[in-house]
Amino acid sequence: MKFSSILFLSSTFKAASSFAVASPAKSSATGGAGVHRPVGKDGEGAYTASTKGCFDVIATATPLVVKEIENQPIRGFGSPAFHIADYGTADAGTSLGLMSQMVTEVRKRVGDDKKEIVLHYEDQVTNEWQSVFNHALGLKTVSDAYGKEIPNPYALNDVFVEACGVGFHNQCYASNTIDFGVSFTAMHWLSQFPSSLKGQEYMHAARCPESPIPEKEQAAKDWKSILEARAKELVPGGRFVCVNFCKDANGYFLGQTDVGESMWDSFKTAWDQLKEQNLIDEEERLGVSFPNYYRTEQEFRECVDSVKGLKVVSSEEKIVRCPYRELYVTGESGKTPREYAEWFVPTTRSWSHSTFKSALKTDRDEEDKEKVMATFWENYMKIVEKNPEAHGMDYVHNYIVFEKEE
């Protein structure tokens, strides 16, 4: 079954203005480590198991990747290995199918079915690295939202797997060594904690009527660092395909589009209920501040000219519909409203749990915090259960292709 994507091209830009904030709190961690913490036990692959929409996002990007492999200069038979980097890979499961296709396409392009390929998986040092290797080496099988088993690139032979925990805000690989880089749903995470929304009714910069200055400035600084690092790492003629959350020309963003209820409204309702349930106080109710930023088309483009050697090949905004909701609405999931809530909600939990949890006071013990969080997610599931058709998480991304000029 294929789901429709809505495509938008945008060149509009909304000027930033002032926003009352406290002084930003900064992380001392290198490369953003600790800004986002994985959910689940390392080795189990909980992220891939609960983020099935990412498979559709990557499938939407696959024609772009294949096209660029066809267009870029590639050293042929007997030359050094072709190096692919997957930045912000999480547990490496959702990109396995693309990695397999990239290996096949590179070998087809150079006419060498034994061409050596090196897959570099990059993420923060606190990542689920055991899950990465379980997936990348084929020790744990992966299926998409529709139950289709994903092919494993390591099974194609002459494929080598490596991992890097430096953090994509920095240079991760030696200069002029990466032939092709990809990144999916990762580079909206900031390298530090502006935390400017603590004490505010909004918990994410995208929800604010005007972008809060600390998040906006940190995002601009981070984006320039990201592009400068990729420009150094790529070989001349190399490509970088970045699929990143955005705020599109219509003002849509993750979980808030033209279909259904706003995920962020539901988050807020479920979180506010914790105070009504006497589980959090007012400071904790207003203590959620997501350390990520959804850039506009203009914000993606505005620093590229200052990055030596890197140019934009193409840029396009796309909406990929939530596969959980689509399968429920068509009746293909066969789930009851409660079963749907229990199936869908974990995909939102996989990336947000640690941020919500960080709003709880530090004098709480771990067991107490997790009890509060369990109630929060139950609150959300009850909201979804009342009207399942209205709840989903549409993905809104900018699909950008960069080229390292020769």
Foldseek 3Di string as FASTA:
>chain_A
DDDDKDWDDDDDDDDFDADDFDFFDWDPDFQQPPLFAFDDDQQPPLQLVQALLLLVVVVVCLVVVLVLLLVFDDDAPPDAAAEEEEEQCQLVQSCFQSLQVVLVSNCVNRVHLLRAYEYEYEEAPNGSPNSNCCRQCVVDWGAHPVRHTGDHNVVSPNYHYHYFNRYLLAQTDAFQAHQEYEYAAGLQFFSITRQGQQVHLAQEQLPDPGGHPVLLVRSLSSLLSNLLNVLRRHHARGKYKYKYWALEPVSDTWQRDPAFDRPRVLLLVLLVVCVVVVLADPSLSRRFHRRGDHYYPCSNPVCQVVRPQKDWPDKMKMKDWFPLLVCVVVCNVVDALLVSLVSALVNVCRTCVVRSLVSGDPVDDPVSSVVSSVSSSVSSSVVCSVPVNRGGIMHIIMTIMMGRHD
